[in-house]
C-alpha atoms as a PDB file:
ATOM      1  CA  MET A   1     108.805 100.644 110.736  1.00  0.00           C
ATOM      2  CA  ALA A   2     106.359  98.055 110.058  1.00  0.00           C
ATOM      3  CA  GLN A   3     106.448  94.346 107.763  1.00  0.00           C
ATOM      4  CA  PHE A   4     103.705  92.817 106.146  1.00  0.00           C
ATOM      5  CA  ARG A   5     103.316  89.616 104.273  1.00  0.00           C
ATOM      6  CA  VAL A   6     101.878  89.713 101.186  1.00  0.00           C
ATOM      7  CA  LEU A   7     100.471  87.039  99.611  1.00  0.00           C
ATOM      8  CA  VAL A   8     100.788  87.660  95.432  1.00  0.00           C
ATOM      9  CA  ASP A   9      97.574  85.843  93.273  1.00  0.00           C
ATOM     10  CA  PRO A  10      98.906  82.359  91.417  1.00  0.00           C
ATOM     11  CA  GLY A  11     100.231  83.364  87.843  1.00  0.00           C
ATOM     12  CA  ALA A  12     100.529  86.669  88.940  1.00  0.00           C
ATOM     13  CA  ASP A  13     103.955  88.074  88.571  1.00  0.00           C
ATOM     14  CA  PRO A  14     105.717  88.995  91.940  1.00  0.00           C
ATOM     15  CA  GLU A  15     108.250  91.681  90.316  1.00  0.00           C
ATOM     16  CA  GLU A  16     105.292  93.520  88.335  1.00  0.00           C
ATOM     17  CA  VAL A  17     103.181  93.235  92.030  1.00  0.00           C
ATOM     18  CA  ALA A  18     105.987  94.248  93.978  1.00  0.00           C
ATOM     19  CA  GLY A  19     106.682  97.643  91.344  1.00  0.00           C
ATOM     20  CA  LYS A  20     102.838  98.164  92.439  1.00  0.00           C
ATOM     21  CA  ILE A  21     103.402  98.125  95.882  1.00  0.00           C
ATOM     22  CA  GLN A  22     105.728 100.442  95.981  1.00  0.00           C
ATOM     23  CA  GLU A  23     103.321 102.999  93.807  1.00  0.00           C
ATOM     24  CA  SER A  24     100.958 102.595  95.844  1.00  0.00           C
ATOM     25  CA  LEU A  25     102.555 103.630  99.555  1.00  0.00           C
ATOM     26  CA  LYS A  26     104.257 106.732  97.650  1.00  0.00           C
ATOM     27  CA  PRO A  27     101.069 108.889  98.327  1.00  0.00           C
ATOM     28  CA  LEU A  28     100.727 107.578 101.644  1.00  0.00           C
ATOM     29  CA  GLY A  29     104.875 109.067 102.485  1.00  0.00           C
ATOM     30  CA  VAL A  30     105.622 105.450 102.816  1.00  0.00           C
ATOM     31  CA  GLN A  31     109.108 104.229 101.529  1.00  0.00           C
ATOM     32  CA  LEU A  32     109.727 100.406 101.133  1.00  0.00           C
ATOM     33  CA  MET A  33     112.995  99.499 102.794  1.00  0.00           C
ATOM     34  CA  ASP A  34     113.455  96.099 102.168  1.00  0.00           C
ATOM     35  CA  ARG A  35     111.378  93.101 100.120  1.00  0.00           C
ATOM     36  CA  GLY A  36     112.021  89.276 100.226  1.00  0.00           C
ATOM     37  CA  GLN A  37     110.063  86.348  98.885  1.00  0.00           C
ATOM     38  CA  ALA A  38     109.102  82.816  99.553  1.00  0.00           C
ATOM     39  CA  GLU A  39     107.190  80.443  96.695  1.00  0.00           C
ATOM     40  CA  LEU A  40     104.607  78.703  98.680  1.00  0.00           C
ATOM     41  CA  ALA A  41     102.558  76.094  97.670  1.00  0.00           C
ATOM     42  CA  PHE A  42     100.199  75.747  94.647  1.00  0.00           C
ATOM     43  CA  GLY A  43     101.616  78.530  92.657  1.00  0.00           C
ATOM     44  CA  ILE A  44     101.532  81.178  95.492  1.00  0.00           C
ATOM     45  CA  VAL A  45     103.952  83.673  96.288  1.00  0.00           C
ATOM     46  CA  ALA A  46     104.549  85.500  99.362  1.00  0.00           C
ATOM     47  CA  LEU A  47     106.145  89.085  99.777  1.00  0.00           C
ATOM     48  CA  THR A  48     107.400  89.986 102.564  1.00  0.00           C
ATOM     49  CA  ILE A  49     108.142  94.064 102.841  1.00  0.00           C
ATOM     50  CA  LEU A  50     109.237  96.577 105.210  1.00  0.00           C
ATOM     51  CA  LEU A  51     108.093 100.007 104.883  1.00  0.00           C
ATOM     52  CA  SER A  52     108.933 103.102 106.597  1.00  0.00           C
ATOM     53  CA  THR A  53     105.325 104.767 108.051  1.00  0.00           C
ATOM     54  CA  PRO A  54     105.071 108.029 108.672  1.00  0.00           C
ATOM     55  CA  GLU A  55     104.160 108.363 112.606  1.00  0.00           C
ATOM     56  CA  GLU A  56     100.296 109.053 112.359  1.00  0.00           C
ATOM     57  CA  GLU A  57      97.478 107.860 113.952  1.00  0.00           C
ATOM     58  CA  GLY A  58      96.026 105.198 111.495  1.00  0.00           C
ATOM     59  CA  ILE A  59      98.700 105.006 108.949  1.00  0.00           C
ATOM     60  CA  THR A  60      98.866 100.793 109.369  1.00  0.00           C
ATOM     61  CA  ASP A  61      95.499 100.688 108.056  1.00  0.00           C
ATOM     62  CA  LYS A  62      95.935 102.876 105.315  1.00  0.00           C
ATOM     63  CA  VAL A  63      98.932 101.142 104.380  1.00  0.00           C
ATOM     64  CA  GLU A  64      97.025  97.801 104.466  1.00  0.00           C
ATOM     65  CA  GLU A  65      94.146  99.426 102.139  1.00  0.00           C
ATOM     66  CA  ALA A  66      96.651 100.406  99.691  1.00  0.00           C
ATOM     67  CA  LEU A  67      98.233  97.234  99.603  1.00  0.00           C
ATOM     68  CA  SER A  68      95.297  95.356  99.408  1.00  0.00           C
ATOM     69  CA  SER A  69      93.974  97.272  96.372  1.00  0.00           C
ATOM     70  CA  VAL A  70      96.560  96.560  94.140  1.00  0.00           C
ATOM     71  CA  PRO A  71      96.024  93.913  91.126  1.00  0.00           C
ATOM     72  CA  GLY A  72      97.355  90.388  92.020  1.00  0.00           C
ATOM     73  CA  VAL A  73      97.462  91.120  95.705  1.00  0.00           C
ATOM     74  CA  SER A  74      95.071  87.641  97.441  1.00  0.00           C
ATOM     75  CA  SER A  75      96.188  88.952 100.815  1.00  0.00           C
ATOM     76  CA  VAL A  76      97.684  91.302 103.676  1.00  0.00           C
ATOM     77  CA  GLU A  77      98.874  90.911 106.667  1.00  0.00           C
ATOM     78  CA  LEU A  78     100.291  93.086 109.361  1.00  0.00           C
ATOM     79  CA  GLU A  79     103.638  91.066 110.898  1.00  0.00           C
ATOM     80  CA  THR A  80     105.152  93.684 112.940  1.00  0.00           C
ATOM     81  CA  MET A  81     105.752  97.260 113.740  1.00  0.00           C
ATOM     82  CA  SER A  82     107.913  99.316 115.673  1.00  0.00           C
ATOM     83  CA  ARG A  83     108.411 103.232 115.959  1.00  0.00           C
ATOM     84  CA  GLY A  84     111.545 104.206 114.190  1.00  0.00           C
ATOM     85  CA  GLY A  85     114.412 105.713 115.976  1.00  0.00           C
END
């Protein structure tokens, strides 16, 4: 399991970005388990996403790269990582 914080560009639709995030993770075998949303200053929205990730070396880097490539995402930060069980 991994929890990421994703900042959405001002003016981008957070729901649309969340949908694109989910699509970008499918090829990696990663499932979106939960999602939260918080309004920050200046129209910036932060998405907190909890992911079920396969146990493979380098998966967090691959996920971070996939998330960063989604249109409307301004930054990605890994908040927590734990082994499923």
